[in-house]
């Protein structure tokens, strides 16, 4: 399965999620941000590529639905509702991402260390 994680700047939350699922899962993950100065900015081809899209906040979901309505089509978009209070790869962030995203995935991942 191809997973796309979206946050604001693609520097902390979505990037951490990409790392987690590329390292521990048989799924392929990518990440992007919605802001113009994001590390990797979201675009239509990324959305077309994804089988499942995870956003970190409702504003991210609203953004992609309003700018790319035809592109996301029937792709499932899941808001994980994870605030921006964390730093990159923070253990608490990893735990929250796993807790909220894992139930949507078919492949079971090992328990976090």
PDB file of N, CA and C in Angstrom:
ATOM      1  N   UNK A   1       0.846  -1.172   0.000  1.00  0.00           N
ATOM      2  CA  UNK A   1       0.000   0.000   0.000  1.00  0.00           C
ATOM      3  C   UNK A   1       0.898   1.244   0.000  1.00  0.00           C
ATOM      4  N   UNK A   2       0.451   2.276  -0.684  1.00  0.00           N
ATOM      5  CA  UNK A   2       1.204   3.527  -0.773  1.00  0.00           C
ATOM      6  C   UNK A   2       0.544   4.559   0.152  1.00  0.00           C
ATOM      7  N   UNK A   3       1.316   5.003   1.148  1.00  0.00           N
ATOM      8  CA  UNK A   3       0.809   5.914   2.169  1.00  0.00           C
ATOM      9  C   UNK A   3       1.400   7.297   1.977  1.00  0.00           C
ATOM     10  N   UNK A   4       0.559   8.310   2.095  1.00  0.00           N
ATOM     11  CA  UNK A   4       1.016   9.695   2.013  1.00  0.00           C
ATOM     12  C   UNK A   4       0.621  10.406   3.302  1.00  0.00           C
ATOM     13  N   UNK A   5       1.603  11.014   3.960  1.00  0.00           N
ATOM     14  CA  UNK A   5       1.386  11.757   5.200  1.00  0.00           C
ATOM     15  C   UNK A   5       1.577  13.242   4.921  1.00  0.00           C
ATOM     16  N   UNK A   6       0.617  14.048   5.389  1.00  0.00           N
ATOM     17  CA  UNK A   6       0.636  15.479   5.094  1.00  0.00           C
ATOM     18  C   UNK A   6       0.535  16.287   6.381  1.00  0.00           C
ATOM     19  N   UNK A   7       1.410  17.293   6.502  1.00  0.00           N
ATOM     20  CA  UNK A   7       1.325  18.268   7.594  1.00  0.00           C
ATOM     21  C   UNK A   7       1.579  19.653   6.997  1.00  0.00           C
ATOM     22  N   UNK A   8       2.034  20.575   7.814  1.00  0.00           N
ATOM     23  CA  UNK A   8       2.207  21.954   7.348  1.00  0.00           C
ATOM     24  C   UNK A   8       3.509  22.168   6.586  1.00  0.00           C
ATOM     25  N   UNK A   9       4.633  21.836   7.213  1.00  0.00           N
ATOM     26  CA  UNK A   9       5.945  22.138   6.640  1.00  0.00           C
ATOM     27  C   UNK A   9       6.732  20.913   6.185  1.00  0.00           C
ATOM     28  N   UNK A  10       6.210  19.715   6.439  1.00  0.00           N
ATOM     29  CA  UNK A  10       6.917  18.486   6.105  1.00  0.00           C
ATOM     30  C   UNK A  10       8.294  18.431   6.742  1.00  0.00           C
ATOM     31  N   UNK A  11       8.371  18.873   7.975  1.00  0.00           N
ATOM     32  CA  UNK A  11       9.665  18.819   8.651  1.00  0.00           C
ATOM     33  C   UNK A  11       9.615  18.009   9.941  1.00  0.00           C
ATOM     34  N   UNK A  12       8.431  17.805  10.502  1.00  0.00           N
ATOM     35  CA  UNK A  12       8.355  17.088  11.780  1.00  0.00           C
ATOM     36  C   UNK A  12       7.352  15.938  11.710  1.00  0.00           C
ATOM     37  N   UNK A  13       6.070  16.239  11.737  1.00  0.00           N
ATOM     38  CA  UNK A  13       5.054  15.185  11.872  1.00  0.00           C
ATOM     39  C   UNK A  13       4.997  14.247  10.673  1.00  0.00           C
ATOM     40  N   UNK A  14       4.766  14.783   9.495  1.00  0.00           N
ATOM     41  CA  UNK A  14       4.623  13.909   8.317  1.00  0.00           C
ATOM     42  C   UNK A  14       5.945  13.230   7.978  1.00  0.00           C
ATOM     43  N   UNK A  15       7.029  13.913   8.194  1.00  0.00           N
ATOM     44  CA  UNK A  15       8.353  13.327   7.927  1.00  0.00           C
ATOM     45  C   UNK A  15       8.643  12.180   8.892  1.00  0.00           C
ATOM     46  N   UNK A  16       8.268  12.367  10.159  1.00  0.00           N
ATOM     47  CA  UNK A  16       8.421  11.291  11.139  1.00  0.00           C
ATOM     48  C   UNK A  16       7.583  10.086  10.724  1.00  0.00           C
ATOM     49  N   UNK A  17       6.334  10.321  10.318  1.00  0.00           N
ATOM     50  CA  UNK A  17       5.465   9.226   9.890  1.00  0.00           C
ATOM     51  C   UNK A  17       6.050   8.495   8.681  1.00  0.00           C
ATOM     52  N   UNK A  18       6.573   9.238   7.741  1.00  0.00           N
ATOM     53  CA  UNK A  18       7.206   8.617   6.568  1.00  0.00           C
ATOM     54  C   UNK A  18       8.342   7.700   7.008  1.00  0.00           C
ATOM     55  N   UNK A  19       9.175   8.182   7.901  1.00  0.00           N
ATOM     56  CA  UNK A  19      10.294   7.372   8.403  1.00  0.00           C
ATOM     57  C   UNK A  19       9.808   6.094   9.078  1.00  0.00           C
ATOM     58  N   UNK A  20       8.794   6.220   9.929  1.00  0.00           N
ATOM     59  CA  UNK A  20       8.264   5.061  10.666  1.00  0.00           C
ATOM     60  C   UNK A  20       7.801   3.987   9.693  1.00  0.00           C
ATOM     61  N   UNK A  21       6.948   4.366   8.748  1.00  0.00           N
ATOM     62  CA  UNK A  21       6.317   3.364   7.899  1.00  0.00           C
ATOM     63  C   UNK A  21       7.237   2.844   6.803  1.00  0.00           C
ATOM     64  N   UNK A  22       8.260   3.580   6.439  1.00  0.00           N
ATOM     65  CA  UNK A  22       9.254   3.041   5.509  1.00  0.00           C
ATOM     66  C   UNK A  22      10.214   2.096   6.211  1.00  0.00           C
ATOM     67  N   UNK A  23      10.456   2.320   7.485  1.00  0.00           N
ATOM     68  CA  UNK A  23      11.406   1.499   8.232  1.00  0.00           C
ATOM     69  C   UNK A  23      10.784   0.200   8.737  1.00  0.00           C
ATOM     70  N   UNK A  24       9.555   0.263   9.232  1.00  0.00           N
ATOM     71  CA  UNK A  24       8.976  -0.888   9.927  1.00  0.00           C
ATOM     72  C   UNK A  24       7.827  -1.575   9.209  1.00  0.00           C
ATOM     73  N   UNK A  25       7.437  -1.080   8.062  1.00  0.00           N
ATOM     74  CA  UNK A  25       6.264  -1.622   7.389  1.00  0.00           C
ATOM     75  C   UNK A  25       6.621  -2.057   5.976  1.00  0.00           C
ATOM     76  N   UNK A  26       5.803  -2.941   5.433  1.00  0.00           N
ATOM     77  CA  UNK A  26       6.000  -3.316   4.029  1.00  0.00           C
ATOM     78  C   UNK A  26       5.327  -2.307   3.103  1.00  0.00           C
ATOM     79  N   UNK A  27       4.612  -1.341   3.691  1.00  0.00           N
ATOM     80  CA  UNK A  27       4.007  -0.266   2.907  1.00  0.00           C
ATOM     81  C   UNK A  27       5.089   0.721   2.474  1.00  0.00           C
ATOM     82  N   UNK A  28       4.801   1.492   1.439  1.00  0.00           N
ATOM     83  CA  UNK A  28       5.689   2.557   0.995  1.00  0.00           C
ATOM     84  C   UNK A  28       5.085   3.877   1.426  1.00  0.00           C
ATOM     85  N   UNK A  29       5.868   4.710   2.080  1.00  0.00           N
ATOM     86  CA  UNK A  29       5.356   5.982   2.596  1.00  0.00           C
ATOM     87  C   UNK A  29       6.124   7.155   2.003  1.00  0.00           C
ATOM     88  N   UNK A  30       5.388   8.238   1.809  1.00  0.00           N
ATOM     89  CA  UNK A  30       5.945   9.529   1.411  1.00  0.00           C
ATOM     90  C   UNK A  30       5.307  10.581   2.290  1.00  0.00           C
ATOM     91  N   UNK A  31       5.878  11.773   2.259  1.00  0.00           N
ATOM     92  CA  UNK A  31       5.310  12.853   3.062  1.00  0.00           C
ATOM     93  C   UNK A  31       5.455  14.181   2.334  1.00  0.00           C
ATOM     94  N   UNK A  32       4.599  15.132   2.747  1.00  0.00           N
ATOM     95  CA  UNK A  32       4.617  16.456   2.136  1.00  0.00           C
ATOM     96  C   UNK A  32       3.954  17.446   3.082  1.00  0.00           C
ATOM     97  N   UNK A  33       4.140  18.725   2.767  1.00  0.00           N
ATOM     98  CA  UNK A  33       3.507  19.793   3.529  1.00  0.00           C
ATOM     99  C   UNK A  33       2.639  20.642   2.624  1.00  0.00           C
ATOM    100  N   UNK A  34       1.738  21.401   3.236  1.00  0.00           N
ATOM    101  CA  UNK A  34       0.831  22.229   2.436  1.00  0.00           C
ATOM    102  C   UNK A  34       1.347  23.648   2.228  1.00  0.00           C
ATOM    103  N   UNK A  35       2.284  24.092   3.046  1.00  0.00           N
ATOM    104  CA  UNK A  35       2.754  25.482   2.948  1.00  0.00           C
ATOM    105  C   UNK A  35       3.768  25.646   1.827  1.00  0.00           C
ATOM    106  N   UNK A  36       3.810  26.851   1.219  1.00  0.00           N
ATOM    107  CA  UNK A  36       4.742  27.090   0.102  1.00  0.00           C
ATOM    108  C   UNK A  36       6.206  26.810   0.448  1.00  0.00           C
ATOM    109  N   UNK A  37       6.590  27.021   1.695  1.00  0.00           N
ATOM    110  CA  UNK A  37       7.983  26.795   2.079  1.00  0.00           C
ATOM    111  C   UNK A  37       8.191  25.438   2.746  1.00  0.00           C
ATOM    112  N   UNK A  38       7.301  24.491   2.496  1.00  0.00           N
ATOM    113  CA  UNK A  38       7.440  23.134   3.024  1.00  0.00           C
ATOM    114  C   UNK A  38       8.676  22.466   2.435  1.00  0.00           C
ATOM    115  N   UNK A  39       9.262  21.567   3.188  1.00  0.00           N
ATOM    116  CA  UNK A  39      10.430  20.801   2.743  1.00  0.00           C
ATOM    117  C   UNK A  39      10.106  20.122   1.411  1.00  0.00           C
ATOM    118  N   UNK A  40       8.981  19.426   1.338  1.00  0.00           N
ATOM    119  CA  UNK A  40       8.427  18.886   0.094  1.00  0.00           C
ATOM    120  C   UNK A  40       6.976  19.333   0.059  1.00  0.00           C
ATOM    121  N   UNK A  41       6.590  20.042  -0.975  1.00  0.00           N
ATOM    122  CA  UNK A  41       5.230  20.594  -1.039  1.00  0.00           C
ATOM    123  C   UNK A  41       4.301  19.619  -1.757  1.00  0.00           C
ATOM    124  N   UNK A  42       3.105  19.494  -1.230  1.00  0.00           N
ATOM    125  CA  UNK A  42       2.107  18.599  -1.802  1.00  0.00           C
ATOM    126  C   UNK A  42       1.770  19.013  -3.233  1.00  0.00           C
ATOM    127  N   UNK A  43       1.553  18.007  -4.080  1.00  0.00           N
ATOM    128  CA  UNK A  43       1.130  18.284  -5.451  1.00  0.00           C
ATOM    129  C   UNK A  43       0.192  17.173  -5.911  1.00  0.00           C
ATOM    130  N   UNK A  44      -0.435  17.385  -7.036  1.00  0.00           N
ATOM    131  CA  UNK A  44      -1.439  16.446  -7.534  1.00  0.00           C
ATOM    132  C   UNK A  44      -0.863  15.059  -7.787  1.00  0.00           C
ATOM    133  N   UNK A  45       0.347  14.969  -8.306  1.00  0.00           N
ATOM    134  CA  UNK A  45       0.908  13.648  -8.607  1.00  0.00           C
ATOM    135  C   UNK A  45       1.129  12.828  -7.341  1.00  0.00           C
ATOM    136  N   UNK A  46       1.457  13.478  -6.244  1.00  0.00           N
ATOM    137  CA  UNK A  46       1.615  12.757  -4.973  1.00  0.00           C
ATOM    138  C   UNK A  46       0.274  12.174  -4.524  1.00  0.00           C
ATOM    139  N   UNK A  47      -0.767  12.971  -4.665  1.00  0.00           N
ATOM    140  CA  UNK A  47      -2.093  12.520  -4.262  1.00  0.00           C
ATOM    141  C   UNK A  47      -2.582  11.382  -5.161  1.00  0.00           C
ATOM    142  N   UNK A  48      -2.286  11.460  -6.441  1.00  0.00           N
ATOM    143  CA  UNK A  48      -2.656  10.391  -7.371  1.00  0.00           C
ATOM    144  C   UNK A  48      -1.908   9.101  -7.052  1.00  0.00           C
ATOM    145  N   UNK A  49      -0.666   9.227  -6.608  1.00  0.00           N
ATOM    146  CA  UNK A  49       0.173   8.077  -6.274  1.00  0.00           C
ATOM    147  C   UNK A  49      -0.372   7.301  -5.079  1.00  0.00           C
ATOM    148  N   UNK A  50      -0.930   7.998  -4.099  1.00  0.00           N
ATOM    149  CA  UNK A  50      -1.290   7.408  -2.802  1.00  0.00           C
ATOM    150  C   UNK A  50      -2.534   6.526  -2.863  1.00  0.00           C
ATOM    151  N   UNK A  51      -2.468   5.437  -2.103  1.00  0.00           N
ATOM    152  CA  UNK A  51      -3.647   4.604  -1.863  1.00  0.00           C
ATOM    153  C   UNK A  51      -4.408   5.114  -0.641  1.00  0.00           C
ATOM    154  N   UNK A  52      -3.677   5.684   0.305  1.00  0.00           N
ATOM    155  CA  UNK A  52      -4.274   6.190   1.529  1.00  0.00           C
ATOM    156  C   UNK A  52      -3.531   7.461   1.935  1.00  0.00           C
ATOM    157  N   UNK A  53      -4.295   8.477   2.315  1.00  0.00           N
ATOM    158  CA  UNK A  53      -3.714   9.771   2.685  1.00  0.00           C
ATOM    159  C   UNK A  53      -4.036  10.052   4.143  1.00  0.00           C
ATOM    160  N   UNK A  54      -3.002  10.372   4.900  1.00  0.00           N
ATOM    161  CA  UNK A  54      -3.152  10.739   6.308  1.00  0.00           C
ATOM    162  C   UNK A  54      -2.764  12.205   6.469  1.00  0.00           C
ATOM    163  N   UNK A  55      -3.635  12.972   7.086  1.00  0.00           N
ATOM    164  CA  UNK A  55      -3.297  14.359   7.409  1.00  0.00           C
ATOM    165  C   UNK A  55      -3.118  14.463   8.914  1.00  0.00           C
ATOM    166  N   UNK A  56      -2.378  15.466   9.340  1.00  0.00           N
ATOM    167  CA  UNK A  56      -2.127  15.629  10.770  1.00  0.00           C
ATOM    168  C   UNK A  56      -3.179  16.496  11.456  1.00  0.00           C
ATOM    169  N   UNK A  57      -3.842  17.375  10.691  1.00  0.00           N
ATOM    170  CA  UNK A  57      -4.868  18.245  11.252  1.00  0.00           C
ATOM    171  C   UNK A  57      -5.972  18.443  10.221  1.00  0.00           C
ATOM    172  N   UNK A  58      -7.128  18.870  10.701  1.00  0.00           N
ATOM    173  CA  UNK A  58      -8.272  19.101   9.812  1.00  0.00           C
ATOM    174  C   UNK A  58      -7.954  20.137   8.738  1.00  0.00           C
ATOM    175  N   UNK A  59      -7.146  21.145   9.064  1.00  0.00           N
ATOM    176  CA  UNK A  59      -6.794  22.172   8.079  1.00  0.00           C
ATOM    177  C   UNK A  59      -6.061  21.561   6.881  1.00  0.00           C
ATOM    178  N   UNK A  60      -5.281  20.525   7.107  1.00  0.00           N
ATOM    179  CA  UNK A  60      -4.568  19.851   6.022  1.00  0.00           C
ATOM    180  C   UNK A  60      -5.554  19.079   5.138  1.00  0.00           C
ATOM    181  N   UNK A  61      -6.519  18.436   5.772  1.00  0.00           N
ATOM    182  CA  UNK A  61      -7.558  17.722   5.031  1.00  0.00           C
ATOM    183  C   UNK A  61      -8.365  18.700   4.180  1.00  0.00           C
ATOM    184  N   UNK A  62      -8.787  19.789   4.794  1.00  0.00           N
ATOM    185  CA  UNK A  62      -9.565  20.800   4.079  1.00  0.00           C
ATOM    186  C   UNK A  62      -8.786  21.367   2.899  1.00  0.00           C
ATOM    187  N   UNK A  63      -7.496  21.595   3.085  1.00  0.00           N
ATOM    188  CA  UNK A  63      -6.643  22.164   2.042  1.00  0.00           C
ATOM    189  C   UNK A  63      -6.611  21.241   0.821  1.00  0.00           C
ATOM    190  N   UNK A  64      -6.300  19.971   1.028  1.00  0.00           N
ATOM    191  CA  UNK A  64      -6.179  19.092  -0.138  1.00  0.00           C
ATOM    192  C   UNK A  64      -7.535  18.832  -0.784  1.00  0.00           C
ATOM    193  N   UNK A  65      -8.582  18.782   0.015  1.00  0.00           N
ATOM    194  CA  UNK A  65      -9.916  18.576  -0.567  1.00  0.00           C
ATOM    195  C   UNK A  65     -10.364  19.780  -1.387  1.00  0.00           C
ATOM    196  N   UNK A  66      -9.971  20.987  -0.954  1.00  0.00           N
ATOM    197  CA  UNK A  66     -10.393  22.180  -1.697  1.00  0.00           C
ATOM    198  C   UNK A  66      -9.521  22.433  -2.924  1.00  0.00           C
ATOM    199  N   UNK A  67      -8.217  22.164  -2.849  1.00  0.00           N
ATOM    200  CA  UNK A  67      -7.334  22.425  -3.984  1.00  0.00           C
ATOM    201  C   UNK A  67      -7.239  21.271  -4.984  1.00  0.00           C
ATOM    202  N   UNK A  68      -7.475  20.063  -4.524  1.00  0.00           N
ATOM    203  CA  UNK A  68      -7.307  18.894  -5.389  1.00  0.00           C
ATOM    204  C   UNK A  68      -8.518  17.959  -5.335  1.00  0.00           C
ATOM    205  N   UNK A  69      -9.737  18.468  -5.477  1.00  0.00           N
ATOM    206  CA  UNK A  69     -10.910  17.603  -5.291  1.00  0.00           C
ATOM    207  C   UNK A  69     -10.972  16.430  -6.276  1.00  0.00           C
ATOM    208  N   UNK A  70     -10.648  16.663  -7.516  1.00  0.00           N
ATOM    209  CA  UNK A  70     -10.719  15.587  -8.508  1.00  0.00           C
ATOM    210  C   UNK A  70      -9.570  14.597  -8.346  1.00  0.00           C
ATOM    211  N   UNK A  71      -8.445  15.070  -7.875  1.00  0.00           N
ATOM    212  CA  UNK A  71      -7.262  14.223  -7.757  1.00  0.00           C
ATOM    213  C   UNK A  71      -7.409  13.176  -6.673  1.00  0.00           C
ATOM    214  N   UNK A  72      -7.971  13.554  -5.535  1.00  0.00           N
ATOM    215  CA  UNK A  72      -8.074  12.572  -4.452  1.00  0.00           C
ATOM    216  C   UNK A  72      -9.199  11.584  -4.699  1.00  0.00           C
ATOM    217  N   UNK A  73     -10.183  11.970  -5.498  1.00  0.00           N
ATOM    218  CA  UNK A  73     -11.242  11.052  -5.902  1.00  0.00           C
ATOM    219  C   UNK A  73     -11.760  10.192  -4.778  1.00  0.00           C
ATOM    220  N   UNK A  74     -11.622   8.881  -4.934  1.00  0.00           N
ATOM    221  CA  UNK A  74     -12.120   7.931  -3.944  1.00  0.00           C
ATOM    222  C   UNK A  74     -11.073   7.518  -2.921  1.00  0.00           C
ATOM    223  N   UNK A  75      -9.920   8.129  -2.951  1.00  0.00           N
ATOM    224  CA  UNK A  75      -8.859   7.799  -2.012  1.00  0.00           C
ATOM    225  C   UNK A  75      -9.291   8.186  -0.593  1.00  0.00           C
ATOM    226  N   UNK A  76      -9.027   7.301   0.340  1.00  0.00           N
ATOM    227  CA  UNK A  76      -9.392   7.577   1.724  1.00  0.00           C
ATOM    228  C   UNK A  76      -8.450   8.630   2.310  1.00  0.00           C
ATOM    229  N   UNK A  77      -9.026   9.666   2.922  1.00  0.00           N
ATOM    230  CA  UNK A  77      -8.252  10.714   3.584  1.00  0.00           C
ATOM    231  C   UNK A  77      -8.601  10.663   5.059  1.00  0.00           C
ATOM    232  N   UNK A  78      -7.586  10.421   5.891  1.00  0.00           N
ATOM    233  CA  UNK A  78      -7.791  10.254   7.322  1.00  0.00           C
ATOM    234  C   UNK A  78      -7.056  11.347   8.077  1.00  0.00           C
ATOM    235  N   UNK A  79      -7.796  12.077   8.892  1.00  0.00           N
ATOM    236  CA  UNK A  79      -7.190  13.104   9.744  1.00  0.00           C
ATOM    237  C   UNK A  79      -6.778  12.445  11.054  1.00  0.00           C
ATOM    238  N   UNK A  80      -5.478  12.437  11.339  1.00  0.00           N
ATOM    239  CA  UNK A  80      -4.968  11.825  12.564  1.00  0.00           C
ATOM    240  C   UNK A  80      -5.113  12.728  13.787  1.00  0.00           C
ATOM    241  N   UNK A  81      -5.380  14.014  13.560  1.00  0.00           N
ATOM    242  CA  UNK A  81      -5.564  14.965  14.651  1.00  0.00           C
ATOM    243  C   UNK A  81      -4.369  14.962  15.610  1.00  0.00           C
ATOM    244  N   UNK A  82      -3.194  15.255  15.044  1.00  0.00           N
ATOM    245  CA  UNK A  82      -1.950  15.316  15.821  1.00  0.00           C
ATOM    246  C   UNK A  82      -1.429  16.742  15.758  1.00  0.00           C
ATOM    247  N   UNK A  83      -1.298  17.363  16.903  1.00  0.00           N
ATOM    248  CA  UNK A  83      -0.880  18.769  16.980  1.00  0.00           C
ATOM    249  C   UNK A  83       0.601  18.928  16.641  1.00  0.00           C
ATOM    250  N   UNK A  84       0.996  20.167  16.438  1.00  0.00           N
ATOM    251  CA  UNK A  84       2.365  20.481  16.050  1.00  0.00           C
ATOM    252  C   UNK A  84       3.294  20.751  17.222  1.00  0.00           C
ATOM    253  N   UNK A  85       3.052  20.147  18.352  1.00  0.00           N
ATOM    254  CA  UNK A  85       3.843  20.427  19.554  1.00  0.00           C
ATOM    255  C   UNK A  85       5.092  19.566  19.697  1.00  0.00           C
ATOM    256  N   UNK A  86       5.366  18.721  18.726  1.00  0.00           N
ATOM    257  CA  UNK A  86       6.455  17.759  18.834  1.00  0.00           C
ATOM    258  C   UNK A  86       7.690  18.188  18.046  1.00  0.00           C
ATOM    259  N   UNK A  87       8.771  17.441  18.248  1.00  0.00           N
ATOM    260  CA  UNK A  87       9.953  17.613  17.410  1.00  0.00           C
ATOM    261  C   UNK A  87      10.144  16.336  16.593  1.00  0.00           C
ATOM    262  N   UNK A  88      10.967  16.418  15.578  1.00  0.00           N
ATOM    263  CA  UNK A  88      11.187  15.317  14.641  1.00  0.00           C
ATOM    264  C   UNK A  88      11.629  14.044  15.365  1.00  0.00           C
ATOM    265  N   UNK A  89      10.928  12.955  15.076  1.00  0.00           N
ATOM    266  CA  UNK A  89      11.196  11.624  15.633  1.00  0.00           C
ATOM    267  C   UNK A  89      11.113  11.556  17.153  1.00  0.00           C
ATOM    268  N   UNK A  90      10.412  12.475  17.765  1.00  0.00           N
ATOM    269  CA  UNK A  90      10.211  12.435  19.216  1.00  0.00           C
ATOM    270  C   UNK A  90       9.442  11.153  19.560  1.00  0.00           C
ATOM    271  N   UNK A  91       9.884  10.413  20.578  1.00  0.00           N
ATOM    272  CA  UNK A  91       9.210   9.154  20.924  1.00  0.00           C
ATOM    273  C   UNK A  91       7.703   9.308  21.150  1.00  0.00           C
ATOM    274  N   UNK A  92       7.282  10.390  21.772  1.00  0.00           N
ATOM    275  CA  UNK A  92       5.851  10.606  22.002  1.00  0.00           C
ATOM    276  C   UNK A  92       5.101  10.830  20.688  1.00  0.00           C
ATOM    277  N   UNK A  93       5.740  11.475  19.729  1.00  0.00           N
ATOM    278  CA  UNK A  93       5.139  11.671  18.414  1.00  0.00           C
ATOM    279  C   UNK A  93       5.024  10.337  17.695  1.00  0.00           C
ATOM    280  N   UNK A  94       6.066   9.559  17.731  1.00  0.00           N
ATOM    281  CA  UNK A  94       6.039   8.234  17.100  1.00  0.00           C
ATOM    282  C   UNK A  94       4.905   7.392  17.684  1.00  0.00           C
ATOM    283  N   UNK A  95       4.774   7.402  18.999  1.00  0.00           N
ATOM    284  CA  UNK A  95       3.712   6.629  19.656  1.00  0.00           C
ATOM    285  C   UNK A  95       2.330   7.111  19.233  1.00  0.00           C
ATOM    286  N   UNK A  96       2.149   8.418  19.139  1.00  0.00           N
ATOM    287  CA  UNK A  96       0.839   8.948  18.756  1.00  0.00           C
ATOM    288  C   UNK A  96       0.511   8.627  17.302  1.00  0.00           C
ATOM    289  N   UNK A  97       1.486   8.756  16.423  1.00  0.00           N
ATOM    290  CA  UNK A  97       1.269   8.402  15.020  1.00  0.00           C
ATOM    291  C   UNK A  97       0.882   6.935  14.909  1.00  0.00           C
ATOM    292  N   UNK A  98       1.648   6.064  15.561  1.00  0.00           N
ATOM    293  CA  UNK A  98       1.366   4.618  15.522  1.00  0.00           C
ATOM    294  C   UNK A  98      -0.022   4.304  16.072  1.00  0.00           C
ATOM    295  N   UNK A  99      -0.363   4.921  17.188  1.00  0.00           N
ATOM    296  CA  UNK A  99      -1.657   4.678  17.832  1.00  0.00           C
ATOM    297  C   UNK A  99      -2.815   5.049  16.906  1.00  0.00           C
ATOM    298  N   UNK A 100      -2.648   6.134  16.164  1.00  0.00           N
ATOM    299  CA  UNK A 100      -3.750   6.635  15.333  1.00  0.00           C
ATOM    300  C   UNK A 100      -3.750   6.100  13.907  1.00  0.00           C
ATOM    301  N   UNK A 101      -2.592   5.779  13.345  1.00  0.00           N
ATOM    302  CA  UNK A 101      -2.525   5.326  11.954  1.00  0.00           C
ATOM    303  C   UNK A 101      -2.557   3.808  11.808  1.00  0.00           C
ATOM    304  N   UNK A 102      -1.928   3.089  12.716  1.00  0.00           N
ATOM    305  CA  UNK A 102      -1.838   1.628  12.592  1.00  0.00           C
ATOM    306  C   UNK A 102      -3.186   0.932  12.390  1.00  0.00           C
ATOM    307  N   UNK A 103      -4.252   1.350  13.101  1.00  0.00           N
ATOM    308  CA  UNK A 103      -5.523   0.648  12.915  1.00  0.00           C
ATOM    309  C   UNK A 103      -6.068   0.691  11.481  1.00  0.00           C
ATOM    310  N   UNK A 104      -5.626   1.644  10.675  1.00  0.00           N
ATOM    311  CA  UNK A 104      -6.097   1.762   9.294  1.00  0.00           C
ATOM    312  C   UNK A 104      -5.303   0.899   8.316  1.00  0.00           C
ATOM    313  N   UNK A 105      -4.201   0.349   8.781  1.00  0.00           N
ATOM    314  CA  UNK A 105      -3.294  -0.373   7.891  1.00  0.00           C
ATOM    315  C   UNK A 105      -3.502  -1.861   7.975  1.00  0.00           C
ATOM    316  N   UNK A 106      -3.410  -2.527   6.847  1.00  0.00           N
ATOM    317  CA  UNK A 106      -3.624  -3.982   6.788  1.00  0.00           C
ATOM    318  C   UNK A 106      -2.413  -4.737   7.325  1.00  0.00           C
ATOM    319  N   UNK A 107      -1.230  -4.213   7.073  1.00  0.00           N
ATOM    320  CA  UNK A 107      -0.004  -4.893   7.506  1.00  0.00           C
ATOM    321  C   UNK A 107       0.261  -4.554   8.958  1.00  0.00           C
ATOM    322  N   UNK A 108       0.410  -5.571   9.771  1.00  0.00           N
ATOM    323  CA  UNK A 108       0.718  -5.341  11.174  1.00  0.00           C
ATOM    324  C   UNK A 108       2.202  -5.049  11.327  1.00  0.00           C
ATOM    325  N   UNK A 109       2.481  -4.012  12.060  1.00  0.00           N
ATOM    326  CA  UNK A 109       3.859  -3.625  12.307  1.00  0.00           C
ATOM    327  C   UNK A 109       4.274  -4.110  13.682  1.00  0.00           C
ATOM    328  N   UNK A 110       5.580  -4.288  13.891  1.00  0.00           N
ATOM    329  CA  UNK A 110       6.027  -4.667  15.231  1.00  0.00           C
ATOM    330  C   UNK A 110       5.738  -3.563  16.237  1.00  0.00           C
ATOM    331  N   UNK A 111       5.632  -3.946  17.481  1.00  0.00           N
ATOM    332  CA  UNK A 111       5.404  -2.954  18.542  1.00  0.00           C
ATOM    333  C   UNK A 111       6.573  -1.989  18.592  1.00  0.00           C
ATOM    334  N   UNK A 112       6.287  -0.704  18.934  1.00  0.00           N
ATOM    335  CA  UNK A 112       7.387   0.250  19.037  1.00  0.00           C
ATOM    336  C   UNK A 112       8.346  -0.170  20.134  1.00  0.00           C
ATOM    337  N   UNK A 113       9.616   0.147  19.910  1.00  0.00           N
ATOM    338  CA  UNK A 113      10.643  -0.223  20.898  1.00  0.00           C
ATOM    339  C   UNK A 113      10.594   0.678  22.089  1.00  0.00           C
TER     340      UNK A 113
END
